[in-house]
Protein backbone atom coordinates (compact mmCIF):
# COMPACT_ATOMS: atom_id res chain seq x y z
CA MET A 1 59.55 87.95 82.25
CA ALA A 2 61.70 85.41 79.75
CA ALA A 3 62.71 82.22 80.34
CA GLN A 4 66.49 83.36 80.53
CA ASP A 5 65.48 85.74 83.22
CA LYS A 6 64.66 83.16 86.01
CA PHE A 7 67.20 84.02 88.87
CA SER A 8 67.83 81.61 91.28
CA ALA A 9 68.63 84.36 93.78
CA GLU A 10 68.76 88.38 93.84
CA ILE A 11 72.65 88.31 94.81
CA ALA A 12 75.76 85.69 94.45
CA VAL A 13 78.45 86.49 96.90
CA ILE A 14 81.60 84.44 94.98
CA GLY A 15 83.89 83.61 97.54
CA GLY A 16 84.15 82.66 100.89
CA GLY A 17 87.07 84.44 102.73
CA PRO A 18 86.28 87.02 105.51
CA ALA A 19 85.14 89.68 103.65
CA GLY A 20 82.86 87.37 101.36
CA LEU A 21 81.16 85.65 104.16
CA THR A 22 80.60 89.05 106.39
CA ALA A 23 78.78 90.37 102.93
CA ALA A 24 76.89 87.16 102.72
CA ILE A 25 75.74 87.30 106.27
CA ALA A 26 74.70 91.30 106.34
CA LEU A 27 73.05 90.49 103.00
CA LYS A 28 71.12 87.53 104.65
CA ALA A 29 70.54 89.22 108.11
CA ALA A 30 68.86 92.04 106.02
CA GLY A 31 66.49 89.77 104.40
CA VAL A 32 67.64 90.31 101.02
CA ASP A 33 67.81 87.10 98.84
CA ALA A 34 71.79 86.10 98.60
CA LEU A 35 73.26 83.49 97.58
CA LEU A 36 76.89 82.44 98.57
CA ILE A 37 79.32 80.43 96.05
CA ALA A 38 82.55 79.40 97.66
CA PRO A 39 84.04 76.08 98.77
CA ALA A 40 85.55 75.27 102.04
CA ALA A 41 88.32 77.32 102.89
CA GLU A 42 91.73 76.62 102.81
CA PRO A 43 94.10 76.25 106.15
CA ASP A 44 94.80 79.58 107.51
CA HIS A 45 97.70 80.09 109.70
CA ARG A 46 97.61 83.85 109.48
CA THR A 47 96.28 86.23 112.02
CA THR A 48 93.74 89.58 111.52
CA ALA A 49 94.16 92.57 113.74
CA LEU A 50 90.56 93.82 113.66
CA LEU A 51 89.91 97.38 114.28
CA ALA A 52 87.60 98.63 116.46
CA GLY A 53 84.91 99.28 114.01
CA SER A 54 85.24 95.94 112.04
CA VAL A 55 84.61 94.20 115.88
CA THR A 56 81.58 96.58 116.22
CA ALA A 57 80.62 95.27 112.57
CA LEU A 58 81.12 91.19 113.25
CA ASP A 59 79.17 92.30 117.04
CA THR A 60 76.06 93.44 115.33
CA LEU A 61 76.04 90.77 113.08
CA GLY A 62 76.15 87.91 115.62
CA VAL A 63 79.82 86.93 114.67
CA TRP A 64 81.98 88.08 117.25
CA PRO A 65 80.31 86.74 120.12
CA LEU A 66 81.61 83.20 118.64
CA CYS A 67 85.13 83.97 118.66
CA ALA A 68 85.79 87.14 121.12
CA ALA A 69 87.54 84.50 123.49
CA GLU A 70 89.85 83.69 120.77
CA ALA A 71 91.05 87.21 120.66
CA ALA A 72 93.51 89.67 121.86
CA PRO A 73 92.62 93.25 122.26
CA ILE A 74 94.99 95.89 121.29
CA HIS A 75 95.20 98.48 123.75
CA GLN A 76 98.93 100.10 122.79
CA ILE A 77 100.65 100.52 119.69
CA ARG A 78 104.28 101.20 119.87
CA LEU A 79 106.75 102.36 116.83
CA ILE A 80 110.14 102.06 117.55
CA ASP A 81 112.86 102.90 114.69
CA ASP A 82 115.49 100.26 114.56
CA SER A 83 116.62 101.42 110.88
CA GLY A 84 120.36 102.11 112.43
CA ARG A 85 120.05 104.78 110.38
CA LEU A 86 121.71 108.36 110.84
CA LEU A 87 118.30 110.11 110.92
CA ARG A 88 116.07 108.02 113.07
CA ALA A 89 112.48 108.91 114.90
CA ARG A 90 112.05 108.99 118.38
CA GLU A 91 109.80 105.82 119.76
CA THR A 92 106.35 106.67 119.71
CA LEU A 93 103.13 104.87 121.66
CA PHE A 94 99.71 105.63 120.82
CA ALA A 95 97.11 104.48 123.64
CA ALA A 96 93.53 103.31 122.78
CA ALA A 97 92.35 105.09 126.59
CA GLU A 98 93.37 108.54 125.30
CA ILE A 99 90.86 108.32 122.59
CA GLY A 100 88.35 107.05 124.96
CA LEU A 101 88.35 103.46 124.02
CA GLU A 102 89.66 100.27 125.91
CA ALA A 103 91.07 99.08 122.82
CA PHE A 104 92.25 100.11 119.50
CA GLY A 105 90.94 96.54 118.07
CA PHE A 106 91.61 92.96 118.66
CA ASN A 107 94.07 90.31 117.11
CA ILE A 108 92.55 87.18 116.23
CA GLU A 109 93.77 83.76 114.04
CA ASN A 110 91.66 83.97 110.81
CA ARG A 111 91.00 80.03 111.16
CA HIS A 112 88.92 81.26 114.53
CA LEU A 113 87.36 84.26 112.87
CA LEU A 114 86.28 81.92 109.14
CA ALA A 115 84.77 79.31 112.22
CA ALA A 116 82.87 81.90 113.86
CA LEU A 117 81.95 83.29 110.18
CA GLU A 118 80.77 79.65 109.22
CA THR A 119 78.70 79.04 111.95
CA ARG A 120 76.92 82.95 112.07
CA ALA A 121 76.30 81.75 108.45
CA THR A 122 74.61 78.45 109.24
CA SER A 123 72.76 79.81 111.76
CA LEU A 124 70.96 82.15 109.55
CA GLU A 125 70.58 79.53 107.01
CA LEU A 126 72.33 81.11 104.47
CA PRO A 127 72.00 79.01 100.77
CA ARG A 128 75.48 78.29 99.83
CA LEU A 129 77.01 76.34 96.94
CA ARG A 130 80.25 74.71 97.84
CA GLU A 131 81.88 74.93 94.24
CA VAL A 132 84.27 77.26 92.43
CA ALA A 133 82.64 79.56 89.47
CA ARG A 134 84.33 78.24 86.17
CA SER A 135 82.84 81.53 84.29
CA VAL A 136 80.89 84.72 84.97
CA ARG A 137 78.98 86.32 82.34
CA SER A 138 76.88 89.65 82.37
CA ASP A 139 74.34 91.04 80.36
CA ALA A 140 71.65 93.90 80.44
CA ALA A 141 69.44 91.88 82.79
CA GLY A 142 71.63 90.04 85.36
CA VAL A 143 74.59 87.77 85.21
CA ARG A 144 74.89 83.90 84.46
CA ILE A 145 77.90 82.01 86.55
CA GLU A 146 78.37 78.29 85.67
CA LEU A 147 79.63 75.93 88.03
CA ALA A 148 80.86 72.11 87.70
CA ASN A 149 77.30 70.92 88.35
CA GLY A 150 75.03 73.34 86.30
CA GLU A 151 74.88 77.11 86.48
CA VAL A 152 73.08 80.16 88.32
CA ARG A 153 71.65 83.33 87.31
CA VAL A 154 71.47 86.45 89.46
CA ARG A 155 70.62 90.28 89.24
CA MET A 156 74.16 91.03 90.15
CA THR A 157 77.32 89.41 91.86
CA ILE A 158 79.48 90.83 94.63
CA ALA A 159 83.17 89.24 93.87
CA ALA A 160 84.98 88.50 96.94
CA ASP A 161 87.50 85.61 95.14
CA GLY A 162 90.60 87.12 95.95
CA ARG A 163 93.96 88.97 94.25
CA ARG A 164 93.01 86.22 91.04
CA SER A 165 89.77 87.33 90.95
CA LEU A 166 87.84 85.36 87.83
CA ALA A 167 84.76 87.94 88.51
CA ARG A 168 86.46 90.80 88.12
CA ALA A 169 88.05 89.76 85.05
CA ALA A 170 85.00 88.47 83.52
CA ALA A 171 83.94 91.99 84.21
CA GLY A 172 86.53 93.73 82.62
CA ILE A 173 87.84 95.40 85.42
CA LYS A 174 91.98 95.93 85.09
CA LEU A 175 94.23 96.08 88.00
CA THR A 176 97.48 98.48 88.56
CA ARG A 177 100.27 96.63 90.12
CA SER A 178 102.92 98.00 92.05
CA ALA A 179 105.85 94.86 93.32
CA TYR A 180 107.94 96.11 96.11
CA PRO A 181 111.63 94.19 96.88
CA GLN A 182 110.24 92.51 100.22
CA THR A 183 108.66 89.55 101.23
CA ALA A 184 106.49 89.46 104.32
CA VAL A 185 107.06 86.31 106.48
CA THR A 186 104.52 85.78 109.12
CA LEU A 187 104.00 83.14 112.07
CA ASN A 188 102.87 82.75 115.36
CA LEU A 189 105.19 82.17 118.70
CA GLY A 190 104.76 81.84 122.38
CA HIS A 191 107.31 83.81 124.55
CA ALA A 192 108.37 84.17 127.68
CA HIS A 193 106.83 87.25 129.09
CA PRO A 194 103.86 88.84 128.59
CA HIS A 195 103.12 91.60 125.82
CA HIS A 196 100.52 93.05 128.37
CA GLY A 197 98.13 93.96 125.02
CA ILE A 198 101.23 96.25 123.24
CA SER A 199 101.54 95.91 119.62
CA THR A 200 104.99 96.45 118.41
CA GLU A 201 106.23 97.47 115.30
CA PHE A 202 110.23 97.99 114.56
CA HIS A 203 110.90 99.58 111.46
CA THR A 204 113.59 98.29 110.00
CA GLU A 205 115.80 99.43 106.84
CA THR A 206 114.02 96.24 105.03
CA GLY A 207 110.52 97.13 106.18
CA PRO A 208 108.69 97.12 109.67
CA PHE A 209 108.27 93.95 112.03
CA THR A 210 105.44 93.68 114.02
CA LEU A 211 104.77 92.04 117.04
CA VAL A 212 100.73 91.90 117.79
CA PRO A 213 99.44 90.34 120.93
CA LEU A 214 97.77 86.80 120.75
CA PRO A 215 95.62 85.51 123.97
CA GLY A 216 97.99 84.27 126.65
CA CYS A 217 101.82 85.04 126.26
CA ARG A 218 101.83 84.48 122.43
CA SER A 219 102.36 86.88 119.31
CA SER A 220 101.88 86.88 115.63
CA VAL A 221 105.01 87.99 113.77
CA VAL A 222 105.05 90.03 110.43
CA CYS A 223 108.68 90.22 109.33
CA VAL A 224 109.15 92.48 106.29
CA VAL A 225 112.54 91.28 104.60
CA ASP A 226 114.15 91.46 101.40
CA HIS A 227 113.43 88.10 99.03
CA ALA A 228 116.56 86.98 100.07
CA GLY A 229 116.38 87.51 103.78
CA ALA A 230 112.83 85.77 103.42
CA ALA A 231 114.22 82.69 101.98
CA ARG A 232 117.14 82.54 104.51
CA LEU A 233 113.93 82.85 107.56
CA ALA A 234 111.88 80.25 105.85
CA GLY A 235 114.66 77.83 105.80
CA MET A 236 115.78 77.92 109.64
CA GLY A 237 114.70 75.38 111.86
CA ASP A 238 112.12 76.46 114.63
CA ASP A 239 114.91 76.79 117.38
CA GLU A 240 116.85 79.21 114.98
CA LEU A 241 114.12 80.89 114.04
CA ALA A 242 112.47 81.77 116.84
CA PHE A 243 116.33 82.65 118.04
CA ASP A 244 116.34 85.30 115.36
CA ILE A 245 113.25 86.61 115.83
CA GLU A 246 114.18 87.46 119.57
CA ARG A 247 117.18 89.12 118.40
CA ARG A 248 114.87 91.30 115.94
CA ALA A 249 112.81 92.01 119.03
CA HIS A 250 115.73 92.69 121.38
CA SER A 251 114.48 90.26 123.55
CA LEU A 252 111.72 92.46 124.45
CA LEU A 253 109.06 89.73 124.84
CA GLY A 254 112.16 87.65 125.97
CA LYS A 255 112.57 83.83 125.04
CA MET A 256 110.60 82.71 121.92
CA SER A 257 109.21 79.38 120.59
CA VAL A 258 107.71 79.11 117.14
CA GLU A 259 104.27 77.58 116.53
CA PRO A 260 103.40 75.56 113.35
CA GLY A 261 102.56 77.29 109.93
CA ARG A 262 104.73 80.05 108.34
CA GLY A 263 103.76 82.02 105.20
CA LEU A 264 105.62 84.07 102.58
CA PHE A 265 104.06 86.80 100.66
CA PRO A 266 105.83 88.54 98.19
CA LEU A 267 104.64 92.44 98.97
CA SER A 268 102.83 94.80 96.08
CA VAL A 269 100.18 97.45 96.08
CA GLU A 270 97.02 96.16 93.52
CA THR A 271 94.15 98.32 93.36
CA ALA A 272 91.22 97.77 90.43
CA ASN A 273 90.41 100.47 88.03
CA THR A 274 86.91 100.46 89.05
CA LEU A 275 85.23 99.19 92.15
CA ALA A 276 82.31 98.06 90.16
CA ARG A 277 81.46 97.31 86.49
CA ASP A 278 79.03 95.12 84.84
CA ARG A 279 76.44 94.32 87.39
CA THR A 280 79.50 93.23 89.46
CA ALA A 281 81.06 94.83 93.12
CA LEU A 282 84.25 94.01 93.94
CA ILE A 283 85.41 93.72 97.75
CA GLY A 284 88.21 92.53 99.61
CA GLU A 285 91.37 91.60 98.04
CA ALA A 286 89.51 91.24 94.12
CA ALA A 287 89.27 95.24 94.58
CA HIS A 288 92.86 96.21 96.52
CA VAL A 289 95.74 94.34 97.89
CA VAL A 290 97.95 96.06 100.40
CA PRO A 291 101.04 95.22 102.30
CA PRO A 292 100.21 93.72 105.87
CA ILE A 293 101.13 97.19 107.14
CA GLY A 294 98.94 99.58 109.84
CA ALA A 295 96.53 96.67 109.76
CA GLN A 296 94.64 97.89 106.81
CA GLY A 297 94.33 95.23 104.53
CA LEU A 298 91.13 93.25 105.73
CA ASN A 299 89.60 96.11 107.80
CA LEU A 300 89.30 97.68 104.15
CA GLY A 301 87.74 94.57 103.06
CA LEU A 302 85.05 94.45 105.78
CA ARG A 303 84.56 98.04 105.35
CA ASP A 304 83.57 97.35 101.33
CA SER A 305 81.29 94.33 102.61
CA ALA A 306 79.52 96.31 105.14
CA CYS A 307 78.90 99.49 102.40
CA ILE A 308 77.81 97.07 99.40
CA ALA A 309 75.31 95.11 101.41
CA GLU A 310 73.85 98.43 103.23
CA LEU A 311 73.20 99.80 99.88
CA LEU A 312 71.82 96.43 98.57
CA ALA A 313 69.73 96.45 101.46
CA GLU A 314 68.65 99.77 100.63
CA ALA A 315 68.10 99.09 96.95
CA ARG A 316 65.89 96.24 97.90
CA ARG A 317 63.40 98.04 100.39
CA GLN A 318 63.36 100.58 97.44
CA ASN A 319 62.25 97.45 94.97
CA ARG A 320 65.09 98.90 92.74
CA ASP A 321 67.41 96.43 90.59
CA PRO A 322 70.25 95.76 92.67
CA GLY A 323 73.02 95.45 89.84
CA SER A 324 72.14 98.82 88.52
CA SER A 325 74.32 101.39 87.07
CA GLU A 326 72.95 103.97 89.96
CA VAL A 327 73.56 101.21 92.81
CA LEU A 328 77.11 100.56 91.30
CA GLU A 329 77.99 104.31 91.02
CA ARG A 330 76.82 104.78 94.78
CA TYR A 331 79.36 101.87 95.77
CA ARG A 332 82.18 103.04 93.58
CA ARG A 333 81.68 106.98 95.05
CA GLN A 334 81.31 105.73 98.92
CA ARG A 335 84.45 103.06 98.34
CA ARG A 336 86.67 105.47 96.58
CA ALA A 337 88.34 108.16 99.10
CA ASP A 338 88.95 105.42 101.82
CA VAL A 339 90.31 102.79 99.76
CA GLY A 340 92.87 105.53 97.83
CA THR A 341 93.70 107.07 101.22
CA ARG A 342 94.49 103.75 102.75
CA VAL A 343 96.53 102.46 100.09
CA LEU A 344 98.25 105.71 99.40
CA ALA A 345 98.94 105.58 103.55
CA VAL A 346 100.54 102.33 103.42
CA ASP A 347 102.58 102.93 100.19
CA VAL A 348 104.40 106.35 101.45
CA LEU A 349 105.01 104.39 104.62
CA ASN A 350 106.53 101.25 103.35
CA ARG A 351 108.81 103.05 100.82
CA SER A 352 109.95 105.86 103.85
CA LEU A 353 111.21 102.68 105.24
CA LEU A 354 113.40 101.43 102.22
CA ALA A 355 114.81 105.19 101.27
CA ASP A 356 117.75 106.23 101.66
CA PHE A 357 117.19 110.00 100.68
CA LEU A 358 118.38 111.47 104.11
CA PRO A 359 115.24 114.10 103.47
CA ALA A 360 113.36 111.50 103.30
CA GLN A 361 114.26 109.77 106.94
CA ALA A 362 113.94 113.50 108.46
CA LEU A 363 110.79 113.97 107.14
CA ARG A 364 109.78 110.71 108.51
CA GLY A 365 111.37 110.90 112.01
CA LEU A 366 110.18 114.91 112.04
CA SER A 367 106.55 113.49 111.27
CA LEU A 368 106.76 110.54 114.54
CA TYR A 369 108.13 113.30 116.46
CA LEU A 370 105.30 115.85 115.89
CA LEU A 371 102.61 113.27 116.70
CA ASP A 372 104.37 112.36 119.96
CA ARG A 373 104.28 116.07 120.82
CA ILE A 374 101.30 117.35 119.64
CA GLY A 375 98.56 115.83 121.32
CA PRO A 376 95.24 117.12 119.48
CA LEU A 377 97.41 115.58 116.19
CA ARG A 378 97.93 112.34 117.72
CA ARG A 379 94.41 111.78 118.49
CA ALA A 380 92.99 112.71 115.18
CA LEU A 381 94.95 110.28 113.58
CA MET A 382 94.34 107.61 115.95
CA ARG A 383 90.66 108.22 115.86
CA GLU A 384 90.96 108.42 111.43
CA GLY A 385 93.12 105.17 111.83
CA ILE A 386 90.36 102.97 113.41
CA ALA A 387 87.34 104.81 112.22
CA PRO A 388 87.85 106.85 109.03
CA PHE A 389 85.96 109.92 108.67
CA VAL A 390 84.73 109.39 105.05
CA ALA A 391 83.66 105.66 105.40
CA GLN A 392 81.63 104.80 108.32
CA PRO A 393 78.80 102.29 106.77
CA ARG A 394 76.11 101.54 109.29
CA LEU A 395 77.81 98.29 110.91
CA MET A 396 80.52 100.26 111.66
CA ARG A 397 78.72 102.31 114.12
CA GLY A 398 76.72 99.35 115.58
CA GLU A 399 73.32 99.54 113.40
CA MET A 400 71.90 96.75 111.25
CA ILE A 401 71.41 98.26 107.87
């Protein structure tokens, strides 16, 4: 082997968010020689609704027991048409018990999820460089990653470095982007009345307004409005904002009190033109960005993590090159349908709320009516929503890779 082919590790995971940490932990647990390259995470006040498959994967990796006490179950999902338009959909309620589950998933603050992932990575003695990658260059045999204090060479990289991914750009992978005239305002709050484990999503003419349970009498809020409306909400004091959120929620949960930490996120759909190239596989927001609708974003990313870790563990057992075109093509093929259908579904739902076209409103209303009235159709949609038929990596089934 030539001197330049002396590898620091087989795999480098670039990025220390939930998707990157999950991929690195899964690889380490499977005995794969993996290195995590990521500085300490930035403070994150957002929450994530982890669907049942994601919870199963985290439990299988020994992460979930470290943060389960900080999560709230989502037993039911209620959809309310609050658009005020001529053609409105009827209220629809989805219950996890109808498909034999205690909960669709759990809502957790990202800071607690990240802390659990960090703790598990430490207990596994996962090698980590707390640095930012400065450049990534691939060749026929491997990938060289330049850091502030030197460089490492690996056989392949997993790009988990977010929507402005350096590793994606280095692999020459282009991005397709479509922006919406909306911004999501996110925050957590306390309220007087219990939520009873029900996530409520109001469909308004500017986008969804969603209340998702947190432990106790607390919920996380995602309020999608136009850009000007988001600026107004951001400029409100805590008491004024709490009153405004209570008004939007029709006092469903009583008097509210806003907690510190607000986020503003202009909405767009972004998808990489390919999920892998030049010894680099994309996961999480390096691969796809979707609006915070229907709890699809991070759950998609965790399925990316589980899929690529499974393929790389298999390659190790078979003594195959993890960065080979064969492995990357299998990853592209296995993730294509899941990513494509989820991105399309979120896009269609969001645009249907913005449409003033009466036939579009009628179609949305009819769809929800049929879901409410036809049990087998409703149950099939619920099962597909939490456990996609086309994308069930072994970790999501509770099996080690």
